[in-house]
């Protein structure tokens, strides 16, 4: 049995880690002229980000856009704190996305970063 391209994309998305997705996001953001900040969880409490703050802040100086992104593995779930941040950012008029490997393979991430 031969796999179709959508079947192959599902397998690749399932097997892609959040770290791999983050690398792809960073590379694409850079090639499209986005400034980016990736939040890293640190073990030193004084230097730790607010619980649940999105993984990425992307700013495009020409497009005049700021995007907040939570990256997740294909089956990763948002925590209560992540959902709170997402909802508050959206209610305050900000653009917020949850990106998964399937969004990478479908071209959704590229489309958003190219708008």
PDB file of N, CA and C in Angstrom:
ATOM      1  N   UNK A   1       0.841  -1.187   0.000  1.00  0.00           N
ATOM      2  CA  UNK A   1       0.000   0.000   0.000  1.00  0.00           C
ATOM      3  C   UNK A   1       0.884   1.247   0.000  1.00  0.00           C
ATOM      4  N   UNK A   2       0.580   2.156  -0.865  1.00  0.00           N
ATOM      5  CA  UNK A   2       1.355   3.382  -0.986  1.00  0.00           C
ATOM      6  C   UNK A   2       0.691   4.493  -0.172  1.00  0.00           C
ATOM      7  N   UNK A   3       1.506   5.259   0.547  1.00  0.00           N
ATOM      8  CA  UNK A   3       0.983   6.365   1.332  1.00  0.00           C
ATOM      9  C   UNK A   3       0.762   7.588   0.463  1.00  0.00           C
ATOM     10  N   UNK A   4      -0.364   8.280   0.690  1.00  0.00           N
ATOM     11  CA  UNK A   4      -0.604   9.547   0.018  1.00  0.00           C
ATOM     12  C   UNK A   4       0.132  10.656   0.753  1.00  0.00           C
ATOM     13  N   UNK A   5       0.193  11.826   0.153  1.00  0.00           N
ATOM     14  CA  UNK A   5       0.931  12.923   0.778  1.00  0.00           C
ATOM     15  C   UNK A   5       0.304  13.350   2.098  1.00  0.00           C
ATOM     16  N   UNK A   6      -1.027  13.298   2.211  1.00  0.00           N
ATOM     17  CA  UNK A   6      -1.657  13.684   3.483  1.00  0.00           C
ATOM     18  C   UNK A   6      -1.357  12.651   4.571  1.00  0.00           C
ATOM     19  N   UNK A   7      -1.271  11.368   4.186  1.00  0.00           N
ATOM     20  CA  UNK A   7      -0.909  10.324   5.156  1.00  0.00           C
ATOM     21  C   UNK A   7       0.524  10.530   5.650  1.00  0.00           C
ATOM     22  N   UNK A   8       1.404  10.843   4.716  1.00  0.00           N
ATOM     23  CA  UNK A   8       2.799  11.083   5.069  1.00  0.00           C
ATOM     24  C   UNK A   8       2.919  12.306   5.971  1.00  0.00           C
ATOM     25  N   UNK A   9       2.165  13.372   5.667  1.00  0.00           N
ATOM     26  CA  UNK A   9       2.182  14.572   6.501  1.00  0.00           C
ATOM     27  C   UNK A   9       1.712  14.269   7.923  1.00  0.00           C
ATOM     28  N   UNK A  10       0.695  13.432   8.051  1.00  0.00           N
ATOM     29  CA  UNK A  10       0.197  13.066   9.384  1.00  0.00           C
ATOM     30  C   UNK A  10       1.262  12.320  10.178  1.00  0.00           C
ATOM     31  N   UNK A  11       1.974  11.427   9.518  1.00  0.00           N
ATOM     32  CA  UNK A  11       3.036  10.665  10.191  1.00  0.00           C
ATOM     33  C   UNK A  11       4.167  11.596  10.601  1.00  0.00           C
ATOM     34  N   UNK A  12       4.588  12.465   9.689  1.00  0.00           N
ATOM     35  CA  UNK A  12       5.670  13.395   9.996  1.00  0.00           C
ATOM     36  C   UNK A  12       5.267  14.355  11.116  1.00  0.00           C
ATOM     37  N   UNK A  13       4.033  14.833  11.081  1.00  0.00           N
ATOM     38  CA  UNK A  13       3.542  15.746  12.124  1.00  0.00           C
ATOM     39  C   UNK A  13       3.508  15.043  13.478  1.00  0.00           C
ATOM     40  N   UNK A  14       3.048  13.819  13.485  1.00  0.00           N
ATOM     41  CA  UNK A  14       2.970  13.045  14.735  1.00  0.00           C
ATOM     42  C   UNK A  14       4.345  12.871  15.354  1.00  0.00           C
ATOM     43  N   UNK A  15       5.365  12.679  14.513  1.00  0.00           N
ATOM     44  CA  UNK A  15       6.708  12.389  15.001  1.00  0.00           C
ATOM     45  C   UNK A  15       7.571  13.627  15.248  1.00  0.00           C
ATOM     46  N   UNK A  16       7.110  14.816  14.838  1.00  0.00           N
ATOM     47  CA  UNK A  16       7.907  16.031  15.034  1.00  0.00           C
ATOM     48  C   UNK A  16       7.764  16.521  16.472  1.00  0.00           C
ATOM     49  N   UNK A  17       8.895  16.815  17.097  1.00  0.00           N
ATOM     50  CA  UNK A  17       8.876  17.329  18.472  1.00  0.00           C
ATOM     51  C   UNK A  17       8.595  18.834  18.458  1.00  0.00           C
ATOM     52  N   UNK A  18       8.237  19.352  19.614  1.00  0.00           N
ATOM     53  CA  UNK A  18       8.029  20.792  19.754  1.00  0.00           C
ATOM     54  C   UNK A  18       9.341  21.541  19.471  1.00  0.00           C
ATOM     55  N   UNK A  19      10.456  20.967  19.889  1.00  0.00           N
ATOM     56  CA  UNK A  19      11.765  21.584  19.650  1.00  0.00           C
ATOM     57  C   UNK A  19      12.047  21.700  18.157  1.00  0.00           C
ATOM     58  N   UNK A  20      11.720  20.663  17.396  1.00  0.00           N
ATOM     59  CA  UNK A  20      11.911  20.716  15.939  1.00  0.00           C
ATOM     60  C   UNK A  20      11.008  21.774  15.319  1.00  0.00           C
ATOM     61  N   UNK A  21       9.761  21.822  15.780  1.00  0.00           N
ATOM     62  CA  UNK A  21       8.831  22.831  15.275  1.00  0.00           C
ATOM     63  C   UNK A  21       9.362  24.226  15.576  1.00  0.00           C
ATOM     64  N   UNK A  22       9.868  24.433  16.786  1.00  0.00           N
ATOM     65  CA  UNK A  22      10.426  25.733  17.165  1.00  0.00           C
ATOM     66  C   UNK A  22      11.555  26.147  16.229  1.00  0.00           C
ATOM     67  N   UNK A  23      12.400  25.205  15.868  1.00  0.00           N
ATOM     68  CA  UNK A  23      13.511  25.500  14.952  1.00  0.00           C
ATOM     69  C   UNK A  23      12.974  25.950  13.589  1.00  0.00           C
ATOM     70  N   UNK A  24      11.947  25.269  13.099  1.00  0.00           N
ATOM     71  CA  UNK A  24      11.350  25.637  11.811  1.00  0.00           C
ATOM     72  C   UNK A  24      10.708  27.034  11.892  1.00  0.00           C
ATOM     73  N   UNK A  25      10.010  27.299  12.995  1.00  0.00           N
ATOM     74  CA  UNK A  25       9.378  28.615  13.174  1.00  0.00           C
ATOM     75  C   UNK A  25      10.444  29.699  13.146  1.00  0.00           C
ATOM     76  N   UNK A  26      11.526  29.506  13.888  1.00  0.00           N
ATOM     77  CA  UNK A  26      12.584  30.504  13.959  1.00  0.00           C
ATOM     78  C   UNK A  26      13.194  30.755  12.581  1.00  0.00           C
ATOM     79  N   UNK A  27      13.509  29.686  11.869  1.00  0.00           N
ATOM     80  CA  UNK A  27      14.125  29.839  10.552  1.00  0.00           C
ATOM     81  C   UNK A  27      13.201  30.559   9.573  1.00  0.00           C
ATOM     82  N   UNK A  28      11.920  30.188   9.572  1.00  0.00           N
ATOM     83  CA  UNK A  28      10.988  30.828   8.653  1.00  0.00           C
ATOM     84  C   UNK A  28      10.767  32.284   9.042  1.00  0.00           C
ATOM     85  N   UNK A  29      10.645  32.553  10.333  1.00  0.00           N
ATOM     86  CA  UNK A  29      10.456  33.932  10.791  1.00  0.00           C
ATOM     87  C   UNK A  29      11.630  34.797  10.336  1.00  0.00           C
ATOM     88  N   UNK A  30      12.837  34.298  10.505  1.00  0.00           N
ATOM     89  CA  UNK A  30      14.026  35.058  10.107  1.00  0.00           C
ATOM     90  C   UNK A  30      14.050  35.324   8.602  1.00  0.00           C
ATOM     91  N   UNK A  31      13.707  34.320   7.801  1.00  0.00           N
ATOM     92  CA  UNK A  31      13.745  34.516   6.347  1.00  0.00           C
ATOM     93  C   UNK A  31      12.648  35.456   5.867  1.00  0.00           C
ATOM     94  N   UNK A  32      11.604  35.633   6.653  1.00  0.00           N
ATOM     95  CA  UNK A  32      10.499  36.522   6.281  1.00  0.00           C
ATOM     96  C   UNK A  32      10.630  37.902   6.936  1.00  0.00           C
ATOM     97  N   UNK A  33      11.747  38.157   7.639  1.00  0.00           N
ATOM     98  CA  UNK A  33      11.999  39.477   8.212  1.00  0.00           C
ATOM     99  C   UNK A  33      11.371  39.741   9.571  1.00  0.00           C
ATOM    100  N   UNK A  34      10.930  38.693  10.256  1.00  0.00           N
ATOM    101  CA  UNK A  34      10.342  38.854  11.590  1.00  0.00           C
ATOM    102  C   UNK A  34      11.434  38.888  12.653  1.00  0.00           C
ATOM    103  N   UNK A  35      11.310  39.812  13.597  1.00  0.00           N
ATOM    104  CA  UNK A  35      12.112  39.753  14.810  1.00  0.00           C
ATOM    105  C   UNK A  35      11.417  38.734  15.699  1.00  0.00           C
ATOM    106  N   UNK A  36      12.182  37.956  16.424  1.00  0.00           N
ATOM    107  CA  UNK A  36      11.529  36.917  17.231  1.00  0.00           C
ATOM    108  C   UNK A  36      12.177  36.797  18.598  1.00  0.00           C
ATOM    109  N   UNK A  37      11.335  36.456  19.543  1.00  0.00           N
ATOM    110  CA  UNK A  37      11.788  36.176  20.895  1.00  0.00           C
ATOM    111  C   UNK A  37      11.141  34.868  21.309  1.00  0.00           C
ATOM    112  N   UNK A  38      11.948  33.938  21.716  1.00  0.00           N
ATOM    113  CA  UNK A  38      11.450  32.647  22.175  1.00  0.00           C
ATOM    114  C   UNK A  38      11.657  32.571  23.677  1.00  0.00           C
ATOM    115  N   UNK A  39      10.579  32.314  24.388  1.00  0.00           N
ATOM    116  CA  UNK A  39      10.634  32.226  25.843  1.00  0.00           C
ATOM    117  C   UNK A  39      11.212  30.876  26.236  1.00  0.00           C
ATOM    118  N   UNK A  40      12.244  30.902  27.034  1.00  0.00           N
ATOM    119  CA  UNK A  40      12.844  29.673  27.528  1.00  0.00           C
ATOM    120  C   UNK A  40      12.525  29.526  29.004  1.00  0.00           C
ATOM    121  N   UNK A  41      12.085  28.353  29.387  1.00  0.00           N
ATOM    122  CA  UNK A  41      11.880  28.085  30.807  1.00  0.00           C
ATOM    123  C   UNK A  41      13.246  27.964  31.457  1.00  0.00           C
ATOM    124  N   UNK A  42      13.455  28.709  32.493  1.00  0.00           N
ATOM    125  CA  UNK A  42      14.731  28.649  33.190  1.00  0.00           C
ATOM    126  C   UNK A  42      14.506  28.132  34.597  1.00  0.00           C
ATOM    127  N   UNK A  43      15.528  27.528  35.139  1.00  0.00           N
ATOM    128  CA  UNK A  43      15.421  26.925  36.466  1.00  0.00           C
ATOM    129  C   UNK A  43      15.600  27.929  37.596  1.00  0.00           C
ATOM    130  N   UNK A  44      16.132  29.104  37.279  1.00  0.00           N
ATOM    131  CA  UNK A  44      16.326  30.122  38.301  1.00  0.00           C
ATOM    132  C   UNK A  44      15.014  30.881  38.462  1.00  0.00           C
ATOM    133  N   UNK A  45      14.333  30.762  39.613  1.00  0.00           N
ATOM    134  CA  UNK A  45      13.009  31.375  39.774  1.00  0.00           C
ATOM    135  C   UNK A  45      12.948  32.864  39.450  1.00  0.00           C
ATOM    136  N   UNK A  46      13.979  33.621  39.791  1.00  0.00           N
ATOM    137  CA  UNK A  46      13.954  35.060  39.548  1.00  0.00           C
ATOM    138  C   UNK A  46      13.990  35.387  38.057  1.00  0.00           C
ATOM    139  N   UNK A  47      14.471  34.483  37.240  1.00  0.00           N
ATOM    140  CA  UNK A  47      14.593  34.734  35.804  1.00  0.00           C
ATOM    141  C   UNK A  47      13.531  33.993  35.008  1.00  0.00           C
ATOM    142  N   UNK A  48      12.597  33.412  35.662  1.00  0.00           N
ATOM    143  CA  UNK A  48      11.585  32.614  34.991  1.00  0.00           C
ATOM    144  C   UNK A  48      10.483  33.496  34.387  1.00  0.00           C
ATOM    145  N   UNK A  49       9.992  33.105  33.249  1.00  0.00           N
ATOM    146  CA  UNK A  49       8.891  33.821  32.605  1.00  0.00           C
ATOM    147  C   UNK A  49       7.616  33.601  33.415  1.00  0.00           C
ATOM    148  N   UNK A  50       6.637  34.465  33.178  1.00  0.00           N
ATOM    149  CA  UNK A  50       5.332  34.271  33.800  1.00  0.00           C
ATOM    150  C   UNK A  50       4.772  32.932  33.344  1.00  0.00           C
ATOM    151  N   UNK A  51       4.183  32.219  34.267  1.00  0.00           N
ATOM    152  CA  UNK A  51       3.610  30.912  33.954  1.00  0.00           C
ATOM    153  C   UNK A  51       2.582  31.034  32.839  1.00  0.00           C
ATOM    154  N   UNK A  52       2.774  30.251  31.799  1.00  0.00           N
ATOM    155  CA  UNK A  52       1.807  30.217  30.711  1.00  0.00           C
ATOM    156  C   UNK A  52       2.029  31.218  29.598  1.00  0.00           C
ATOM    157  N   UNK A  53       3.014  32.119  29.742  1.00  0.00           N
ATOM    158  CA  UNK A  53       3.250  33.100  28.683  1.00  0.00           C
ATOM    159  C   UNK A  53       3.593  32.359  27.392  1.00  0.00           C
ATOM    160  N   UNK A  54       3.093  32.839  26.238  1.00  0.00           N
ATOM    161  CA  UNK A  54       3.338  32.139  24.969  1.00  0.00           C
ATOM    162  C   UNK A  54       4.822  31.933  24.674  1.00  0.00           C
ATOM    163  N   UNK A  55       5.106  30.875  23.915  1.00  0.00           N
ATOM    164  CA  UNK A  55       6.486  30.512  23.586  1.00  0.00           C
ATOM    165  C   UNK A  55       7.182  31.556  22.724  1.00  0.00           C
ATOM    166  N   UNK A  56       6.440  32.173  21.822  1.00  0.00           N
ATOM    167  CA  UNK A  56       7.034  33.078  20.846  1.00  0.00           C
ATOM    168  C   UNK A  56       6.348  34.434  20.834  1.00  0.00           C
ATOM    169  N   UNK A  57       7.161  35.468  20.648  1.00  0.00           N
ATOM    170  CA  UNK A  57       6.662  36.796  20.299  1.00  0.00           C
ATOM    171  C   UNK A  57       7.365  37.137  18.989  1.00  0.00           C
ATOM    172  N   UNK A  58       6.584  37.353  17.947  1.00  0.00           N
ATOM    173  CA  UNK A  58       7.107  37.673  16.617  1.00  0.00           C
ATOM    174  C   UNK A  58       6.642  39.071  16.239  1.00  0.00           C
ATOM    175  N   UNK A  59       7.571  39.905  15.785  1.00  0.00           N
ATOM    176  CA  UNK A  59       7.258  41.284  15.422  1.00  0.00           C
ATOM    177  C   UNK A  59       7.809  41.549  14.026  1.00  0.00           C
ATOM    178  N   UNK A  60       6.961  42.087  13.166  1.00  0.00           N
ATOM    179  CA  UNK A  60       7.422  42.437  11.821  1.00  0.00           C
ATOM    180  C   UNK A  60       7.367  43.954  11.666  1.00  0.00           C
ATOM    181  N   UNK A  61       8.542  44.586  11.522  1.00  0.00           N
ATOM    182  CA  UNK A  61       8.588  46.042  11.448  1.00  0.00           C
ATOM    183  C   UNK A  61       7.936  46.640  10.208  1.00  0.00           C
ATOM    184  N   UNK A  62       7.902  45.909   9.101  1.00  0.00           N
ATOM    185  CA  UNK A  62       7.289  46.430   7.876  1.00  0.00           C
ATOM    186  C   UNK A  62       5.782  46.186   7.891  1.00  0.00           C
ATOM    187  N   UNK A  63       5.379  44.987   8.269  1.00  0.00           N
ATOM    188  CA  UNK A  63       3.944  44.655   8.309  1.00  0.00           C
ATOM    189  C   UNK A  63       3.233  45.329   9.475  1.00  0.00           C
ATOM    190  N   UNK A  64       4.001  45.762  10.478  1.00  0.00           N
ATOM    191  CA  UNK A  64       3.390  46.377  11.657  1.00  0.00           C
ATOM    192  C   UNK A  64       2.553  45.388  12.445  1.00  0.00           C
ATOM    193  N   UNK A  65       3.043  44.158  12.538  1.00  0.00           N
ATOM    194  CA  UNK A  65       2.301  43.103  13.232  1.00  0.00           C
ATOM    195  C   UNK A  65       3.125  42.527  14.374  1.00  0.00           C
ATOM    196  N   UNK A  66       2.414  42.157  15.423  1.00  0.00           N
ATOM    197  CA  UNK A  66       2.991  41.394  16.521  1.00  0.00           C
ATOM    198  C   UNK A  66       2.130  40.157  16.689  1.00  0.00           C
ATOM    199  N   UNK A  67       2.774  39.012  16.736  1.00  0.00           N
ATOM    200  CA  UNK A  67       2.072  37.736  16.879  1.00  0.00           C
ATOM    201  C   UNK A  67       2.615  37.020  18.109  1.00  0.00           C
ATOM    202  N   UNK A  68       1.719  36.506  18.911  1.00  0.00           N
ATOM    203  CA  UNK A  68       2.079  35.643  20.041  1.00  0.00           C
ATOM    204  C   UNK A  68       1.741  34.216  19.634  1.00  0.00           C
ATOM    205  N   UNK A  69       2.675  33.309  19.863  1.00  0.00           N
ATOM    206  CA  UNK A  69       2.487  31.928  19.418  1.00  0.00           C
ATOM    207  C   UNK A  69       2.822  30.952  20.536  1.00  0.00           C
ATOM    208  N   UNK A  70       1.937  30.006  20.715  1.00  0.00           N
ATOM    209  CA  UNK A  70       2.198  28.856  21.584  1.00  0.00           C
ATOM    210  C   UNK A  70       2.489  27.694  20.648  1.00  0.00           C
ATOM    211  N   UNK A  71       3.695  27.123  20.738  1.00  0.00           N
ATOM    212  CA  UNK A  71       4.010  25.966  19.907  1.00  0.00           C
ATOM    213  C   UNK A  71       3.800  24.706  20.734  1.00  0.00           C
ATOM    214  N   UNK A  72       3.234  23.712  20.086  1.00  0.00           N
ATOM    215  CA  UNK A  72       2.910  22.450  20.756  1.00  0.00           C
ATOM    216  C   UNK A  72       3.245  21.283  19.835  1.00  0.00           C
ATOM    217  N   UNK A  73       3.584  20.167  20.446  1.00  0.00           N
ATOM    218  CA  UNK A  73       3.707  18.943  19.661  1.00  0.00           C
ATOM    219  C   UNK A  73       2.309  18.618  19.136  1.00  0.00           C
ATOM    220  N   UNK A  74       2.211  17.643  18.267  1.00  0.00           N
ATOM    221  CA  UNK A  74       0.926  17.353  17.645  1.00  0.00           C
ATOM    222  C   UNK A  74      -0.157  17.023  18.675  1.00  0.00           C
ATOM    223  N   UNK A  75       0.207  16.352  19.738  1.00  0.00           N
ATOM    224  CA  UNK A  75      -0.794  15.965  20.742  1.00  0.00           C
ATOM    225  C   UNK A  75      -0.668  16.761  22.038  1.00  0.00           C
ATOM    226  N   UNK A  76       0.240  17.749  22.064  1.00  0.00           N
ATOM    227  CA  UNK A  76       0.450  18.543  23.267  1.00  0.00           C
ATOM    228  C   UNK A  76      -0.791  19.341  23.639  1.00  0.00           C
ATOM    229  N   UNK A  77      -1.015  19.488  24.919  1.00  0.00           N
ATOM    230  CA  UNK A  77      -2.187  20.204  25.426  1.00  0.00           C
ATOM    231  C   UNK A  77      -1.760  21.524  26.068  1.00  0.00           C
ATOM    232  N   UNK A  78      -2.607  22.517  25.948  1.00  0.00           N
ATOM    233  CA  UNK A  78      -2.345  23.803  26.596  1.00  0.00           C
ATOM    234  C   UNK A  78      -2.697  23.686  28.070  1.00  0.00           C
ATOM    235  N   UNK A  79      -1.857  24.268  28.902  1.00  0.00           N
ATOM    236  CA  UNK A  79      -2.127  24.290  30.336  1.00  0.00           C
ATOM    237  C   UNK A  79      -3.181  25.364  30.629  1.00  0.00           C
ATOM    238  N   UNK A  80      -3.690  25.346  31.841  1.00  0.00           N
ATOM    239  CA  UNK A  80      -4.667  26.346  32.277  1.00  0.00           C
ATOM    240  C   UNK A  80      -4.065  27.749  32.158  1.00  0.00           C
ATOM    241  N   UNK A  81      -2.813  27.904  32.569  1.00  0.00           N
ATOM    242  CA  UNK A  81      -2.147  29.210  32.495  1.00  0.00           C
ATOM    243  C   UNK A  81      -1.939  29.652  31.051  1.00  0.00           C
ATOM    244  N   UNK A  82      -1.612  28.720  30.167  1.00  0.00           N
ATOM    245  CA  UNK A  82      -1.432  29.055  28.752  1.00  0.00           C
ATOM    246  C   UNK A  82      -2.757  29.507  28.130  1.00  0.00           C
ATOM    247  N   UNK A  83      -3.833  28.834  28.497  1.00  0.00           N
ATOM    248  CA  UNK A  83      -5.158  29.225  27.997  1.00  0.00           C
ATOM    249  C   UNK A  83      -5.544  30.610  28.498  1.00  0.00           C
ATOM    250  N   UNK A  84      -5.217  30.904  29.755  1.00  0.00           N
ATOM    251  CA  UNK A  84      -5.520  32.217  30.321  1.00  0.00           C
ATOM    252  C   UNK A  84      -4.774  33.312  29.557  1.00  0.00           C
ATOM    253  N   UNK A  85      -3.470  33.119  29.343  1.00  0.00           N
ATOM    254  CA  UNK A  85      -2.687  34.095  28.579  1.00  0.00           C
ATOM    255  C   UNK A  85      -3.266  34.275  27.180  1.00  0.00           C
ATOM    256  N   UNK A  86      -3.562  33.161  26.512  1.00  0.00           N
ATOM    257  CA  UNK A  86      -4.099  33.228  25.144  1.00  0.00           C
ATOM    258  C   UNK A  86      -5.389  34.037  25.114  1.00  0.00           C
ATOM    259  N   UNK A  87      -6.300  33.731  26.005  1.00  0.00           N
ATOM    260  CA  UNK A  87      -7.586  34.437  26.037  1.00  0.00           C
ATOM    261  C   UNK A  87      -7.414  35.915  26.346  1.00  0.00           C
ATOM    262  N   UNK A  88      -6.548  36.236  27.306  1.00  0.00           N
ATOM    263  CA  UNK A  88      -6.319  37.645  27.664  1.00  0.00           C
ATOM    264  C   UNK A  88      -5.674  38.406  26.516  1.00  0.00           C
ATOM    265  N   UNK A  89      -4.709  37.789  25.832  1.00  0.00           N
ATOM    266  CA  UNK A  89      -4.076  38.452  24.698  1.00  0.00           C
ATOM    267  C   UNK A  89      -5.087  38.728  23.585  1.00  0.00           C
ATOM    268  N   UNK A  90      -5.926  37.749  23.303  1.00  0.00           N
ATOM    269  CA  UNK A  90      -6.943  37.912  22.257  1.00  0.00           C
ATOM    270  C   UNK A  90      -7.952  38.986  22.656  1.00  0.00           C
ATOM    271  N   UNK A  91      -8.418  38.954  23.908  1.00  0.00           N
ATOM    272  CA  UNK A  91      -9.377  39.957  24.379  1.00  0.00           C
ATOM    273  C   UNK A  91      -8.796  41.369  24.333  1.00  0.00           C
ATOM    274  N   UNK A  92      -7.480  41.473  24.488  1.00  0.00           N
ATOM    275  CA  UNK A  92      -6.812  42.779  24.440  1.00  0.00           C
ATOM    276  C   UNK A  92      -6.497  43.206  23.007  1.00  0.00           C
ATOM    277  N   UNK A  93      -6.964  42.417  22.019  1.00  0.00           N
ATOM    278  CA  UNK A  93      -6.803  42.795  20.624  1.00  0.00           C
ATOM    279  C   UNK A  93      -5.526  42.307  19.958  1.00  0.00           C
ATOM    280  N   UNK A  94      -4.837  41.356  20.589  1.00  0.00           N
ATOM    281  CA  UNK A  94      -3.599  40.825  20.025  1.00  0.00           C
ATOM    282  C   UNK A  94      -3.859  39.588  19.176  1.00  0.00           C
ATOM    283  N   UNK A  95      -2.925  39.324  18.289  1.00  0.00           N
ATOM    284  CA  UNK A  95      -2.988  38.128  17.442  1.00  0.00           C
ATOM    285  C   UNK A  95      -2.276  36.990  18.174  1.00  0.00           C
ATOM    286  N   UNK A  96      -2.969  35.885  18.377  1.00  0.00           N
ATOM    287  CA  UNK A  96      -2.413  34.733  19.092  1.00  0.00           C
ATOM    288  C   UNK A  96      -2.722  33.469  18.296  1.00  0.00           C
ATOM    289  N   UNK A  97      -1.712  32.602  18.197  1.00  0.00           N
ATOM    290  CA  UNK A  97      -1.880  31.343  17.475  1.00  0.00           C
ATOM    291  C   UNK A  97      -1.325  30.195  18.304  1.00  0.00           C
ATOM    292  N   UNK A  98      -1.897  29.029  18.094  1.00  0.00           N
ATOM    293  CA  UNK A  98      -1.337  27.782  18.614  1.00  0.00           C
ATOM    294  C   UNK A  98      -0.882  27.019  17.373  1.00  0.00           C
ATOM    295  N   UNK A  99       0.420  26.784  17.282  1.00  0.00           N
ATOM    296  CA  UNK A  99       0.963  26.105  16.108  1.00  0.00           C
ATOM    297  C   UNK A  99       1.460  24.726  16.468  1.00  0.00           C
ATOM    298  N   UNK A 100       1.096  23.775  15.635  1.00  0.00           N
ATOM    299  CA  UNK A 100       1.477  22.378  15.788  1.00  0.00           C
ATOM    300  C   UNK A 100       2.198  21.919  14.515  1.00  0.00           C
ATOM    301  N   UNK A 101       2.875  20.787  14.570  1.00  0.00           N
ATOM    302  CA  UNK A 101       3.544  20.288  13.361  1.00  0.00           C
ATOM    303  C   UNK A 101       2.616  20.182  12.150  1.00  0.00           C
ATOM    304  N   UNK A 102       1.364  19.819  12.355  1.00  0.00           N
ATOM    305  CA  UNK A 102       0.438  19.732  11.214  1.00  0.00           C
ATOM    306  C   UNK A 102       0.255  21.091  10.544  1.00  0.00           C
ATOM    307  N   UNK A 103       0.365  22.183  11.316  1.00  0.00           N
ATOM    308  CA  UNK A 103       0.275  23.523  10.738  1.00  0.00           C
ATOM    309  C   UNK A 103       1.503  23.833   9.886  1.00  0.00           C
ATOM    310  N   UNK A 104       2.633  23.255  10.284  1.00  0.00           N
ATOM    311  CA  UNK A 104       3.860  23.419   9.489  1.00  0.00           C
ATOM    312  C   UNK A 104       3.702  22.721   8.145  1.00  0.00           C
ATOM    313  N   UNK A 105       3.275  21.468   8.184  1.00  0.00           N
ATOM    314  CA  UNK A 105       3.173  20.679   6.952  1.00  0.00           C
ATOM    315  C   UNK A 105       2.044  21.146   6.037  1.00  0.00           C
ATOM    316  N   UNK A 106       0.994  21.724   6.606  1.00  0.00           N
ATOM    317  CA  UNK A 106      -0.121  22.200   5.772  1.00  0.00           C
ATOM    318  C   UNK A 106       0.188  23.536   5.096  1.00  0.00           C
ATOM    319  N   UNK A 107       1.229  24.219   5.561  1.00  0.00           N
ATOM    320  CA  UNK A 107       1.573  25.528   5.008  1.00  0.00           C
ATOM    321  C   UNK A 107       0.919  26.688   5.748  1.00  0.00           C
ATOM    322  N   UNK A 108       0.167  26.380   6.795  1.00  0.00           N
ATOM    323  CA  UNK A 108      -0.533  27.421   7.554  1.00  0.00           C
ATOM    324  C   UNK A 108       0.441  28.424   8.181  1.00  0.00           C
ATOM    325  N   UNK A 109       1.526  27.933   8.777  1.00  0.00           N
ATOM    326  CA  UNK A 109       2.503  28.820   9.424  1.00  0.00           C
ATOM    327  C   UNK A 109       3.145  29.732   8.393  1.00  0.00           C
ATOM    328  N   UNK A 110       3.539  29.162   7.278  1.00  0.00           N
ATOM    329  CA  UNK A 110       4.150  29.959   6.212  1.00  0.00           C
ATOM    330  C   UNK A 110       3.190  31.028   5.722  1.00  0.00           C
ATOM    331  N   UNK A 111       1.918  30.684   5.567  1.00  0.00           N
ATOM    332  CA  UNK A 111       0.922  31.648   5.092  1.00  0.00           C
ATOM    333  C   UNK A 111       0.774  32.801   6.077  1.00  0.00           C
ATOM    334  N   UNK A 112       0.729  32.501   7.359  1.00  0.00           N
ATOM    335  CA  UNK A 112       0.578  33.555   8.372  1.00  0.00           C
ATOM    336  C   UNK A 112       1.800  34.458   8.408  1.00  0.00           C
ATOM    337  N   UNK A 113       2.982  33.873   8.308  1.00  0.00           N
ATOM    338  CA  UNK A 113       4.203  34.674   8.361  1.00  0.00           C
ATOM    339  C   UNK A 113       4.465  35.425   7.051  1.00  0.00           C
ATOM    340  N   UNK A 114       3.720  35.086   6.011  1.00  0.00           N
ATOM    341  CA  UNK A 114       3.904  35.753   4.720  1.00  0.00           C
ATOM    342  C   UNK A 114       2.848  36.820   4.451  1.00  0.00           C
ATOM    343  N   UNK A 115       1.845  36.917   5.313  1.00  0.00           N
ATOM    344  CA  UNK A 115       0.749  37.890   5.111  1.00  0.00           C
ATOM    345  C   UNK A 115       1.263  39.303   5.223  1.00  0.00           C
TER     346      UNK A 115
END
